[in-house]
């Protein structure tokens, strides 16, 4: 492929227009869906889809801790993104956002999350990606679900919170339009569908065999977005088969381009952008990125297509 020509086309597209802005959350790049049915329409694959980013752990970086509402806002001020988050139970059965089962790496606390009450956890401060203490505190899943309405879509990972509890939280907050759940097994996907047919799932299907196995579950493809792999170079047929079934495909950059850029193995922003665009060119529709802002910026020129059937979702 002639990347020089490709980048020129992208730059011209960036200058010619953009999404029509009707912004109910001033300053944010929002993804607007009205209900569960509308969310299914957003995630339904179509050839004119607009590639976008899933911000791993919300898009942390220097000054902005992972799984933090302020970090979510920092991400959305710069790019369109849905936000992957990590729920953990507290000692008193509240649910907070924290990736690790322990507090040491990303907060001023020590030991297990599950050994502390919510009140005790709220007294801690979160650390950024450099390990520096910030003024920010740990949000609850309840707070995150309310915050996300009208702004974006949350992707609820599992950690120690089972499918039933995550579905129940979405229902409590009437958040079917702004939250989906991760289902790591076909059994969990079936369970979610039986509990609530309006809640969508991110499912892990990295081979054609797994795609065909999922066909047998009875879960409609309109209820899922497919995480294909953290590994680059998957067969184009895999993406084509998932697209034929009407679902979007996601590929992770955290273990390849993001890591290489952070380590200095990728030297320039232009080279990083080229890598992200290559993921989309390979067949992916969504990039799950640690460097969510960088990935989102790389995809912005591809989003400037007002005639796309997906354009009305992006504000």
C-alpha atoms as a PDB file:
ATOM      1  CA  UNK A   1       0.000   0.000   0.000  1.00  0.00           C
ATOM      2  CA  UNK A   2       1.183   3.562  -0.764  1.00  0.00           C
ATOM      3  CA  UNK A   3       1.103   5.007   2.770  1.00  0.00           C
ATOM      4  CA  UNK A   4       2.182   8.462   1.605  1.00  0.00           C
ATOM      5  CA  UNK A   5      -0.902   8.713  -0.612  1.00  0.00           C
ATOM      6  CA  UNK A   6      -3.067   7.246   2.145  1.00  0.00           C
ATOM      7  CA  UNK A   7      -1.906   9.838   4.696  1.00  0.00           C
ATOM      8  CA  UNK A   8      -2.464  12.645   2.185  1.00  0.00           C
ATOM      9  CA  UNK A   9      -6.041  11.499   1.648  1.00  0.00           C
ATOM     10  CA  UNK A  10      -6.573  11.327   5.420  1.00  0.00           C
ATOM     11  CA  UNK A  11      -5.213  14.815   5.947  1.00  0.00           C
ATOM     12  CA  UNK A  12      -7.480  16.204   3.231  1.00  0.00           C
ATOM     13  CA  UNK A  13     -10.457  14.440   4.771  1.00  0.00           C
ATOM     14  CA  UNK A  14      -9.627  15.894   8.170  1.00  0.00           C
ATOM     15  CA  UNK A  15      -9.737  19.381   6.703  1.00  0.00           C
ATOM     16  CA  UNK A  16     -12.959  18.981   4.769  1.00  0.00           C
ATOM     17  CA  UNK A  17     -15.406  18.364   7.527  1.00  0.00           C
ATOM     18  CA  UNK A  18     -16.404  16.366  10.561  1.00  0.00           C
ATOM     19  CA  UNK A  19     -19.270  15.102  12.607  1.00  0.00           C
ATOM     20  CA  UNK A  20     -22.248  17.351  13.098  1.00  0.00           C
ATOM     21  CA  UNK A  21     -21.929  18.450  16.723  1.00  0.00           C
ATOM     22  CA  UNK A  22     -24.959  18.424  18.972  1.00  0.00           C
ATOM     23  CA  UNK A  23     -23.119  18.078  22.219  1.00  0.00           C
ATOM     24  CA  UNK A  24     -25.165  17.420  25.375  1.00  0.00           C
ATOM     25  CA  UNK A  25     -21.888  17.077  27.308  1.00  0.00           C
ATOM     26  CA  UNK A  26     -19.966  20.263  26.415  1.00  0.00           C
ATOM     27  CA  UNK A  27     -16.360  19.658  25.496  1.00  0.00           C
ATOM     28  CA  UNK A  28     -16.731  15.898  25.143  1.00  0.00           C
ATOM     29  CA  UNK A  29     -16.618  13.694  22.067  1.00  0.00           C
ATOM     30  CA  UNK A  30     -19.714  11.633  22.803  1.00  0.00           C
ATOM     31  CA  UNK A  31     -21.266   8.405  21.531  1.00  0.00           C
ATOM     32  CA  UNK A  32     -25.055   8.785  21.677  1.00  0.00           C
ATOM     33  CA  UNK A  33     -27.380   5.759  21.910  1.00  0.00           C
ATOM     34  CA  UNK A  34     -30.949   5.966  23.210  1.00  0.00           C
ATOM     35  CA  UNK A  35     -31.623   2.414  24.446  1.00  0.00           C
ATOM     36  CA  UNK A  36     -30.528  -1.200  24.103  1.00  0.00           C
ATOM     37  CA  UNK A  37     -32.019  -1.523  20.620  1.00  0.00           C
ATOM     38  CA  UNK A  38     -30.207   1.629  19.490  1.00  0.00           C
ATOM     39  CA  UNK A  39     -26.958   0.274  20.929  1.00  0.00           C
ATOM     40  CA  UNK A  40     -27.423  -2.866  18.838  1.00  0.00           C
ATOM     41  CA  UNK A  41     -27.715  -0.636  15.788  1.00  0.00           C
ATOM     42  CA  UNK A  42     -24.538   1.191  16.730  1.00  0.00           C
ATOM     43  CA  UNK A  43     -22.546  -2.046  17.024  1.00  0.00           C
ATOM     44  CA  UNK A  44     -24.073  -3.693  13.938  1.00  0.00           C
ATOM     45  CA  UNK A  45     -21.382  -4.021  11.292  1.00  0.00           C
ATOM     46  CA  UNK A  46     -21.822  -2.116   8.055  1.00  0.00           C
ATOM     47  CA  UNK A  47     -19.180  -1.427   5.390  1.00  0.00           C
ATOM     48  CA  UNK A  48     -19.469   2.318   6.075  1.00  0.00           C
ATOM     49  CA  UNK A  49     -18.763   1.929   9.806  1.00  0.00           C
ATOM     50  CA  UNK A  50     -16.582   4.592  11.436  1.00  0.00           C
ATOM     51  CA  UNK A  51     -13.580   3.057  13.261  1.00  0.00           C
ATOM     52  CA  UNK A  52     -13.111   4.156  16.870  1.00  0.00           C
ATOM     53  CA  UNK A  53     -11.291   3.320  20.094  1.00  0.00           C
ATOM     54  CA  UNK A  54     -12.004   1.369  23.254  1.00  0.00           C
ATOM     55  CA  UNK A  55      -9.910   3.035  25.953  1.00  0.00           C
ATOM     56  CA  UNK A  56      -8.341   0.275  28.044  1.00  0.00           C
ATOM     57  CA  UNK A  57      -8.882   1.081  31.737  1.00  0.00           C
ATOM     58  CA  UNK A  58     -10.327   4.410  30.623  1.00  0.00           C
ATOM     59  CA  UNK A  59      -7.212   5.860  28.963  1.00  0.00           C
ATOM     60  CA  UNK A  60      -4.705   6.436  31.810  1.00  0.00           C
ATOM     61  CA  UNK A  61      -1.539   8.478  31.290  1.00  0.00           C
ATOM     62  CA  UNK A  62       0.673  10.868  33.233  1.00  0.00           C
ATOM     63  CA  UNK A  63      -1.520  12.797  35.683  1.00  0.00           C
ATOM     64  CA  UNK A  64      -4.561  10.611  35.000  1.00  0.00           C
ATOM     65  CA  UNK A  65      -4.998   7.275  36.852  1.00  0.00           C
ATOM     66  CA  UNK A  66      -6.637   4.233  35.337  1.00  0.00           C
ATOM     67  CA  UNK A  67     -10.307   3.541  36.201  1.00  0.00           C
ATOM     68  CA  UNK A  68     -10.904   7.156  37.229  1.00  0.00           C
ATOM     69  CA  UNK A  69     -13.759   9.482  36.204  1.00  0.00           C
ATOM     70  CA  UNK A  70     -11.404  12.415  35.624  1.00  0.00           C
ATOM     71  CA  UNK A  71      -9.351  10.231  33.294  1.00  0.00           C
ATOM     72  CA  UNK A  72     -12.492   9.223  31.398  1.00  0.00           C
ATOM     73  CA  UNK A  73     -13.280  12.896  30.886  1.00  0.00           C
ATOM     74  CA  UNK A  74      -9.745  13.625  29.724  1.00  0.00           C
ATOM     75  CA  UNK A  75     -10.055  10.880  27.098  1.00  0.00           C
ATOM     76  CA  UNK A  76     -13.441  12.057  25.812  1.00  0.00           C
ATOM     77  CA  UNK A  77     -12.347  15.678  25.599  1.00  0.00           C
ATOM     78  CA  UNK A  78      -9.923  14.609  22.876  1.00  0.00           C
ATOM     79  CA  UNK A  79     -11.346  11.572  21.051  1.00  0.00           C
ATOM     80  CA  UNK A  80     -14.437   9.446  20.561  1.00  0.00           C
ATOM     81  CA  UNK A  81     -14.017   6.313  22.670  1.00  0.00           C
ATOM     82  CA  UNK A  82     -15.869   3.734  24.637  1.00  0.00           C
ATOM     83  CA  UNK A  83     -14.232   2.967  27.987  1.00  0.00           C
ATOM     84  CA  UNK A  84     -13.189  -0.433  29.337  1.00  0.00           C
ATOM     85  CA  UNK A  85     -13.359  -0.558  33.152  1.00  0.00           C
ATOM     86  CA  UNK A  86     -12.605  -3.057  35.926  1.00  0.00           C
ATOM     87  CA  UNK A  87     -15.000  -3.771  38.830  1.00  0.00           C
ATOM     88  CA  UNK A  88     -13.957  -5.248  42.177  1.00  0.00           C
ATOM     89  CA  UNK A  89     -15.934  -6.000  45.334  1.00  0.00           C
ATOM     90  CA  UNK A  90     -15.147  -4.225  48.595  1.00  0.00           C
ATOM     91  CA  UNK A  91     -15.298  -5.813  52.050  1.00  0.00           C
ATOM     92  CA  UNK A  92     -18.841  -4.466  52.500  1.00  0.00           C
ATOM     93  CA  UNK A  93     -20.031  -5.660  49.052  1.00  0.00           C
ATOM     94  CA  UNK A  94     -19.885  -2.344  47.225  1.00  0.00           C
ATOM     95  CA  UNK A  95     -18.276  -2.401  43.775  1.00  0.00           C
ATOM     96  CA  UNK A  96     -15.387  -0.053  42.997  1.00  0.00           C
ATOM     97  CA  UNK A  97     -13.276   0.425  39.880  1.00  0.00           C
ATOM     98  CA  UNK A  98      -9.792  -1.061  40.278  1.00  0.00           C
ATOM     99  CA  UNK A  99      -7.899  -3.255  37.833  1.00  0.00           C
ATOM    100  CA  UNK A 100      -5.767  -5.232  40.278  1.00  0.00           C
ATOM    101  CA  UNK A 101      -7.075  -7.299  43.167  1.00  0.00           C
ATOM    102  CA  UNK A 102      -4.582  -5.355  45.288  1.00  0.00           C
ATOM    103  CA  UNK A 103      -4.252  -1.623  45.906  1.00  0.00           C
ATOM    104  CA  UNK A 104      -0.492  -1.109  45.884  1.00  0.00           C
ATOM    105  CA  UNK A 105       0.217  -0.366  42.222  1.00  0.00           C
ATOM    106  CA  UNK A 106      -2.489   2.209  41.491  1.00  0.00           C
ATOM    107  CA  UNK A 107      -3.387   3.759  44.862  1.00  0.00           C
ATOM    108  CA  UNK A 108      -1.940   4.890  48.169  1.00  0.00           C
ATOM    109  CA  UNK A 109      -3.407   1.786  49.820  1.00  0.00           C
ATOM    110  CA  UNK A 110      -1.843  -1.581  50.586  1.00  0.00           C
ATOM    111  CA  UNK A 111      -3.239  -5.088  50.368  1.00  0.00           C
ATOM    112  CA  UNK A 112      -6.412  -6.497  48.866  1.00  0.00           C
ATOM    113  CA  UNK A 113      -9.329  -4.361  47.697  1.00  0.00           C
ATOM    114  CA  UNK A 114     -11.671  -6.897  49.308  1.00  0.00           C
ATOM    115  CA  UNK A 115     -10.139  -6.297  52.751  1.00  0.00           C
ATOM    116  CA  UNK A 116     -11.372  -2.680  52.867  1.00  0.00           C
ATOM    117  CA  UNK A 117     -14.799  -1.076  53.196  1.00  0.00           C
ATOM    118  CA  UNK A 118     -15.985   1.450  50.646  1.00  0.00           C
ATOM    119  CA  UNK A 119     -15.496   4.279  53.130  1.00  0.00           C
ATOM    120  CA  UNK A 120     -11.904   3.192  53.737  1.00  0.00           C
ATOM    121  CA  UNK A 121     -11.194   2.929  50.015  1.00  0.00           C
ATOM    122  CA  UNK A 122     -12.659   6.374  49.386  1.00  0.00           C
ATOM    123  CA  UNK A 123     -10.030   7.843  51.723  1.00  0.00           C
ATOM    124  CA  UNK A 124      -7.231   6.672  49.402  1.00  0.00           C
ATOM    125  CA  UNK A 125      -5.744   8.556  46.461  1.00  0.00           C
ATOM    126  CA  UNK A 126      -5.135   7.089  43.026  1.00  0.00           C
ATOM    127  CA  UNK A 127      -1.718   6.962  41.318  1.00  0.00           C
ATOM    128  CA  UNK A 128      -1.052   7.741  37.662  1.00  0.00           C
ATOM    129  CA  UNK A 129       0.891   5.621  35.159  1.00  0.00           C
ATOM    130  CA  UNK A 130       4.193   6.985  36.477  1.00  0.00           C
ATOM    131  CA  UNK A 131       3.301   5.998  40.045  1.00  0.00           C
ATOM    132  CA  UNK A 132       2.676   9.586  41.158  1.00  0.00           C
ATOM    133  CA  UNK A 133      -0.093  10.274  43.669  1.00  0.00           C
ATOM    134  CA  UNK A 134      -2.983  12.328  42.278  1.00  0.00           C
ATOM    135  CA  UNK A 135      -5.853  14.153  44.031  1.00  0.00           C
ATOM    136  CA  UNK A 136      -8.376  11.675  42.604  1.00  0.00           C
ATOM    137  CA  UNK A 137     -10.275   8.982  44.458  1.00  0.00           C
ATOM    138  CA  UNK A 138     -11.622   5.587  43.518  1.00  0.00           C
ATOM    139  CA  UNK A 139     -15.071   5.671  41.864  1.00  0.00           C
ATOM    140  CA  UNK A 140     -17.794   3.122  42.428  1.00  0.00           C
ATOM    141  CA  UNK A 141     -19.387   1.236  39.560  1.00  0.00           C
ATOM    142  CA  UNK A 142     -22.647   3.036  40.426  1.00  0.00           C
ATOM    143  CA  UNK A 143     -20.967   6.419  39.969  1.00  0.00           C
ATOM    144  CA  UNK A 144     -19.412   5.354  36.670  1.00  0.00           C
ATOM    145  CA  UNK A 145     -22.705   4.037  35.255  1.00  0.00           C
ATOM    146  CA  UNK A 146     -24.469   7.304  36.057  1.00  0.00           C
ATOM    147  CA  UNK A 147     -21.584   9.420  34.755  1.00  0.00           C
ATOM    148  CA  UNK A 148     -21.496   7.600  31.385  1.00  0.00           C
ATOM    149  CA  UNK A 149     -25.101   8.329  30.403  1.00  0.00           C
ATOM    150  CA  UNK A 150     -25.213  10.615  27.382  1.00  0.00           C
ATOM    151  CA  UNK A 151     -21.432  10.504  27.030  1.00  0.00           C
ATOM    152  CA  UNK A 152     -20.108   7.080  26.078  1.00  0.00           C
ATOM    153  CA  UNK A 153     -20.345   3.300  26.427  1.00  0.00           C
ATOM    154  CA  UNK A 154     -18.702   1.494  29.338  1.00  0.00           C
ATOM    155  CA  UNK A 155     -17.313  -2.023  28.879  1.00  0.00           C
ATOM    156  CA  UNK A 156     -17.575  -3.854  32.206  1.00  0.00           C
ATOM    157  CA  UNK A 157     -14.798  -6.423  32.628  1.00  0.00           C
ATOM    158  CA  UNK A 158     -15.402  -9.290  35.039  1.00  0.00           C
ATOM    159  CA  UNK A 159     -12.587  -9.420  37.652  1.00  0.00           C
ATOM    160  CA  UNK A 160     -14.379 -10.777  40.772  1.00  0.00           C
ATOM    161  CA  UNK A 161     -17.873  -9.512  39.822  1.00  0.00           C
ATOM    162  CA  UNK A 162     -19.890 -12.282  38.134  1.00  0.00           C
ATOM    163  CA  UNK A 163     -22.176 -11.841  35.151  1.00  0.00           C
ATOM    164  CA  UNK A 164     -25.360 -11.762  37.216  1.00  0.00           C
ATOM    165  CA  UNK A 165     -24.110  -8.874  39.360  1.00  0.00           C
ATOM    166  CA  UNK A 166     -22.918  -6.811  36.394  1.00  0.00           C
ATOM    167  CA  UNK A 167     -26.232  -7.296  34.586  1.00  0.00           C
ATOM    168  CA  UNK A 168     -28.092  -6.336  37.745  1.00  0.00           C
ATOM    169  CA  UNK A 169     -26.094  -3.114  38.107  1.00  0.00           C
ATOM    170  CA  UNK A 170     -26.816  -2.111  34.512  1.00  0.00           C
ATOM    171  CA  UNK A 171     -30.510  -2.771  35.102  1.00  0.00           C
ATOM    172  CA  UNK A 172     -30.532  -0.799  38.373  1.00  0.00           C
ATOM    173  CA  UNK A 173     -29.172   2.243  36.569  1.00  0.00           C
ATOM    174  CA  UNK A 174     -31.251   1.740  33.401  1.00  0.00           C
ATOM    175  CA  UNK A 175     -27.917   1.812  31.574  1.00  0.00           C
ATOM    176  CA  UNK A 176     -28.645  -0.630  28.722  1.00  0.00           C
ATOM    177  CA  UNK A 177     -27.836   2.173  26.265  1.00  0.00           C
ATOM    178  CA  UNK A 178     -24.461   3.043  27.794  1.00  0.00           C
ATOM    179  CA  UNK A 179     -22.886  -0.142  29.176  1.00  0.00           C
ATOM    180  CA  UNK A 180     -21.975  -3.592  27.901  1.00  0.00           C
ATOM    181  CA  UNK A 181     -20.397  -6.578  29.680  1.00  0.00           C
ATOM    182  CA  UNK A 182     -17.442  -8.788  28.861  1.00  0.00           C
ATOM    183  CA  UNK A 183     -18.303 -12.481  28.432  1.00  0.00           C
ATOM    184  CA  UNK A 184     -15.191 -14.653  28.448  1.00  0.00           C
ATOM    185  CA  UNK A 185     -17.036 -17.913  27.778  1.00  0.00           C
ATOM    186  CA  UNK A 186     -20.010 -18.990  25.687  1.00  0.00           C
ATOM    187  CA  UNK A 187     -21.691 -20.033  28.929  1.00  0.00           C
ATOM    188  CA  UNK A 188     -21.443 -16.479  30.275  1.00  0.00           C
ATOM    189  CA  UNK A 189     -22.763 -15.083  26.988  1.00  0.00           C
ATOM    190  CA  UNK A 190     -25.773 -17.414  27.167  1.00  0.00           C
ATOM    191  CA  UNK A 191     -26.316 -16.429  30.797  1.00  0.00           C
ATOM    192  CA  UNK A 192     -26.289 -12.706  29.978  1.00  0.00           C
ATOM    193  CA  UNK A 193     -28.732 -13.167  27.089  1.00  0.00           C
ATOM    194  CA  UNK A 194     -31.122 -15.131  29.284  1.00  0.00           C
ATOM    195  CA  UNK A 195     -30.940 -12.527  32.044  1.00  0.00           C
ATOM    196  CA  UNK A 196     -31.519  -9.518  29.777  1.00  0.00           C
ATOM    197  CA  UNK A 197     -31.804  -9.658  25.999  1.00  0.00           C
ATOM    198  CA  UNK A 198     -31.160  -5.895  25.745  1.00  0.00           C
ATOM    199  CA  UNK A 199     -27.679  -5.980  27.288  1.00  0.00           C
ATOM    200  CA  UNK A 200     -24.833  -6.337  24.806  1.00  0.00           C
ATOM    201  CA  UNK A 201     -21.611  -8.246  25.312  1.00  0.00           C
ATOM    202  CA  UNK A 202     -17.987  -8.172  24.258  1.00  0.00           C
ATOM    203  CA  UNK A 203     -17.104 -11.792  23.453  1.00  0.00           C
ATOM    204  CA  UNK A 204     -13.678 -13.338  22.802  1.00  0.00           C
ATOM    205  CA  UNK A 205     -13.609 -15.224  19.487  1.00  0.00           C
ATOM    206  CA  UNK A 206     -10.109 -15.441  18.072  1.00  0.00           C
ATOM    207  CA  UNK A 207     -10.511 -18.319  15.606  1.00  0.00           C
ATOM    208  CA  UNK A 208     -12.986 -19.466  12.978  1.00  0.00           C
ATOM    209  CA  UNK A 209     -13.650 -22.532  15.110  1.00  0.00           C
ATOM    210  CA  UNK A 210     -14.729 -20.325  18.023  1.00  0.00           C
ATOM    211  CA  UNK A 211     -16.940 -18.267  15.706  1.00  0.00           C
ATOM    212  CA  UNK A 212     -18.700 -21.440  14.559  1.00  0.00           C
ATOM    213  CA  UNK A 213     -19.059 -22.630  18.142  1.00  0.00           C
ATOM    214  CA  UNK A 214     -20.693 -19.317  19.029  1.00  0.00           C
ATOM    215  CA  UNK A 215     -23.181 -19.854  16.186  1.00  0.00           C
ATOM    216  CA  UNK A 216     -24.578 -22.766  18.223  1.00  0.00           C
ATOM    217  CA  UNK A 217     -25.203 -20.782  21.444  1.00  0.00           C
ATOM    218  CA  UNK A 218     -28.469 -19.205  20.318  1.00  0.00           C
ATOM    219  CA  UNK A 219     -27.173 -15.753  21.271  1.00  0.00           C
ATOM    220  CA  UNK A 220     -27.909 -13.369  18.372  1.00  0.00           C
ATOM    221  CA  UNK A 221     -24.872 -11.824  16.729  1.00  0.00           C
ATOM    222  CA  UNK A 222     -26.595  -8.445  17.066  1.00  0.00           C
ATOM    223  CA  UNK A 223     -26.004  -8.774  20.828  1.00  0.00           C
ATOM    224  CA  UNK A 224     -22.223  -8.901  20.590  1.00  0.00           C
ATOM    225  CA  UNK A 225     -19.075  -7.089  19.560  1.00  0.00           C
ATOM    226  CA  UNK A 226     -16.168  -9.492  19.019  1.00  0.00           C
ATOM    227  CA  UNK A 227     -12.726  -9.095  20.547  1.00  0.00           C
ATOM    228  CA  UNK A 228     -10.547 -10.933  18.024  1.00  0.00           C
ATOM    229  CA  UNK A 229      -7.053 -10.774  19.462  1.00  0.00           C
ATOM    230  CA  UNK A 230      -4.137  -8.866  20.954  1.00  0.00           C
ATOM    231  CA  UNK A 231      -2.062 -10.526  18.212  1.00  0.00           C
ATOM    232  CA  UNK A 232      -1.652  -8.808  14.873  1.00  0.00           C
ATOM    233  CA  UNK A 233      -1.882 -10.563  11.523  1.00  0.00           C
ATOM    234  CA  UNK A 234      -5.051 -12.599  12.018  1.00  0.00           C
ATOM    235  CA  UNK A 235      -6.441 -14.155   8.841  1.00  0.00           C
ATOM    236  CA  UNK A 236      -8.695 -11.783   6.851  1.00  0.00           C
ATOM    237  CA  UNK A 237     -11.255 -14.590   6.587  1.00  0.00           C
ATOM    238  CA  UNK A 238     -11.879 -14.389  10.342  1.00  0.00           C
ATOM    239  CA  UNK A 239     -12.872 -10.724  10.090  1.00  0.00           C
ATOM    240  CA  UNK A 240     -14.986 -11.412   7.002  1.00  0.00           C
ATOM    241  CA  UNK A 241     -16.898 -14.221   8.724  1.00  0.00           C
ATOM    242  CA  UNK A 242     -17.648 -12.083  11.795  1.00  0.00           C
ATOM    243  CA  UNK A 243     -18.714  -9.167   9.576  1.00  0.00           C
ATOM    244  CA  UNK A 244     -20.955 -11.494   7.543  1.00  0.00           C
ATOM    245  CA  UNK A 245     -22.742 -12.315  10.800  1.00  0.00           C
ATOM    246  CA  UNK A 246     -23.309  -8.615  11.424  1.00  0.00           C
ATOM    247  CA  UNK A 247     -20.899  -7.985  14.302  1.00  0.00           C
ATOM    248  CA  UNK A 248     -17.993  -5.563  14.673  1.00  0.00           C
ATOM    249  CA  UNK A 249     -14.430  -6.732  15.326  1.00  0.00           C
ATOM    250  CA  UNK A 250     -12.015  -5.386  17.944  1.00  0.00           C
ATOM    251  CA  UNK A 251      -8.231  -5.815  18.042  1.00  0.00           C
ATOM    252  CA  UNK A 252      -5.994  -4.798  20.936  1.00  0.00           C
ATOM    253  CA  UNK A 253      -2.910  -2.600  20.538  1.00  0.00           C
ATOM    254  CA  UNK A 254      -1.797  -2.654  24.174  1.00  0.00           C
ATOM    255  CA  UNK A 255       0.537  -5.624  23.714  1.00  0.00           C
ATOM    256  CA  UNK A 256       2.017  -4.545  20.414  1.00  0.00           C
ATOM    257  CA  UNK A 257       2.133  -0.936  19.148  1.00  0.00           C
ATOM    258  CA  UNK A 258       1.350   0.742  22.483  1.00  0.00           C
ATOM    259  CA  UNK A 259       4.013  -1.247  24.280  1.00  0.00           C
ATOM    260  CA  UNK A 260       6.558  -0.718  21.502  1.00  0.00           C
ATOM    261  CA  UNK A 261       5.975   3.039  21.532  1.00  0.00           C
ATOM    262  CA  UNK A 262       6.213   3.248  25.327  1.00  0.00           C
ATOM    263  CA  UNK A 263       9.492   1.300  25.259  1.00  0.00           C
ATOM    264  CA  UNK A 264      10.911   3.514  22.518  1.00  0.00           C
ATOM    265  CA  UNK A 265      10.955   0.713  19.940  1.00  0.00           C
ATOM    266  CA  UNK A 266       8.572   2.784  17.812  1.00  0.00           C
ATOM    267  CA  UNK A 267      10.365   6.106  17.499  1.00  0.00           C
ATOM    268  CA  UNK A 268       7.808   8.538  16.093  1.00  0.00           C
ATOM    269  CA  UNK A 269       4.140   9.413  16.382  1.00  0.00           C
ATOM    270  CA  UNK A 270       3.830   8.997  12.626  1.00  0.00           C
ATOM    271  CA  UNK A 271       5.062   5.427  12.817  1.00  0.00           C
ATOM    272  CA  UNK A 272       2.593   4.744  15.659  1.00  0.00           C
ATOM    273  CA  UNK A 273      -0.260   6.219  13.609  1.00  0.00           C
ATOM    274  CA  UNK A 274       0.726   4.007  10.692  1.00  0.00           C
ATOM    275  CA  UNK A 275       0.464   0.983  12.989  1.00  0.00           C
ATOM    276  CA  UNK A 276      -3.030   1.904  14.204  1.00  0.00           C
ATOM    277  CA  UNK A 277      -4.240   2.476  10.656  1.00  0.00           C
ATOM    278  CA  UNK A 278      -2.820  -0.910   9.712  1.00  0.00           C
ATOM    279  CA  UNK A 279      -4.998  -2.563  12.378  1.00  0.00           C
ATOM    280  CA  UNK A 280      -8.089  -1.045  10.784  1.00  0.00           C
ATOM    281  CA  UNK A 281      -6.880  -1.938   7.311  1.00  0.00           C
ATOM    282  CA  UNK A 282      -6.497  -5.571   8.432  1.00  0.00           C
ATOM    283  CA  UNK A 283     -10.242  -5.773   9.132  1.00  0.00           C
ATOM    284  CA  UNK A 284     -10.787  -4.407  12.658  1.00  0.00           C
ATOM    285  CA  UNK A 285     -13.480  -1.831  13.407  1.00  0.00           C
ATOM    286  CA  UNK A 286     -12.416  -0.933  16.964  1.00  0.00           C
ATOM    287  CA  UNK A 287      -8.956  -0.688  18.550  1.00  0.00           C
ATOM    288  CA  UNK A 288      -8.702  -1.418  22.272  1.00  0.00           C
ATOM    289  CA  UNK A 289      -5.751   0.769  23.219  1.00  0.00           C
ATOM    290  CA  UNK A 290      -3.727   1.671  26.281  1.00  0.00           C
ATOM    291  CA  UNK A 291      -2.710   4.832  24.405  1.00  0.00           C
ATOM    292  CA  UNK A 292      -6.340   5.626  23.672  1.00  0.00           C
ATOM    293  CA  UNK A 293      -5.834   9.283  22.829  1.00  0.00           C
ATOM    294  CA  UNK A 294      -3.018   8.536  20.388  1.00  0.00           C
ATOM    295  CA  UNK A 295      -5.064   5.762  18.752  1.00  0.00           C
ATOM    296  CA  UNK A 296      -8.181   7.937  18.655  1.00  0.00           C
ATOM    297  CA  UNK A 297      -6.278  10.796  17.042  1.00  0.00           C
ATOM    298  CA  UNK A 298      -4.946   8.402  14.401  1.00  0.00           C
ATOM    299  CA  UNK A 299      -8.496   7.337  13.546  1.00  0.00           C
ATOM    300  CA  UNK A 300     -10.058  10.806  13.489  1.00  0.00           C
ATOM    301  CA  UNK A 301      -9.566  11.360   9.748  1.00  0.00           C
ATOM    302  CA  UNK A 302     -11.361   8.066   9.071  1.00  0.00           C
ATOM    303  CA  UNK A 303     -14.348   9.326  11.069  1.00  0.00           C
ATOM    304  CA  UNK A 304     -14.946  12.428   8.963  1.00  0.00           C
ATOM    305  CA  UNK A 305     -17.609  10.794   6.794  1.00  0.00           C
ATOM    306  CA  UNK A 306     -20.924  12.536   7.409  1.00  0.00           C
ATOM    307  CA  UNK A 307     -22.689  10.244   4.922  1.00  0.00           C
ATOM    308  CA  UNK A 308     -21.932   7.140   7.016  1.00  0.00           C
ATOM    309  CA  UNK A 309     -24.909   5.345   8.557  1.00  0.00           C
ATOM    310  CA  UNK A 310     -22.983   5.520  11.854  1.00  0.00           C
ATOM    311  CA  UNK A 311     -22.279   9.285  11.824  1.00  0.00           C
ATOM    312  CA  UNK A 312     -25.406  10.202  13.806  1.00  0.00           C
ATOM    313  CA  UNK A 313     -24.114   8.288  16.849  1.00  0.00           C
ATOM    314  CA  UNK A 314     -21.000  10.456  17.165  1.00  0.00           C
ATOM    315  CA  UNK A 315     -21.538  13.958  18.530  1.00  0.00           C
END
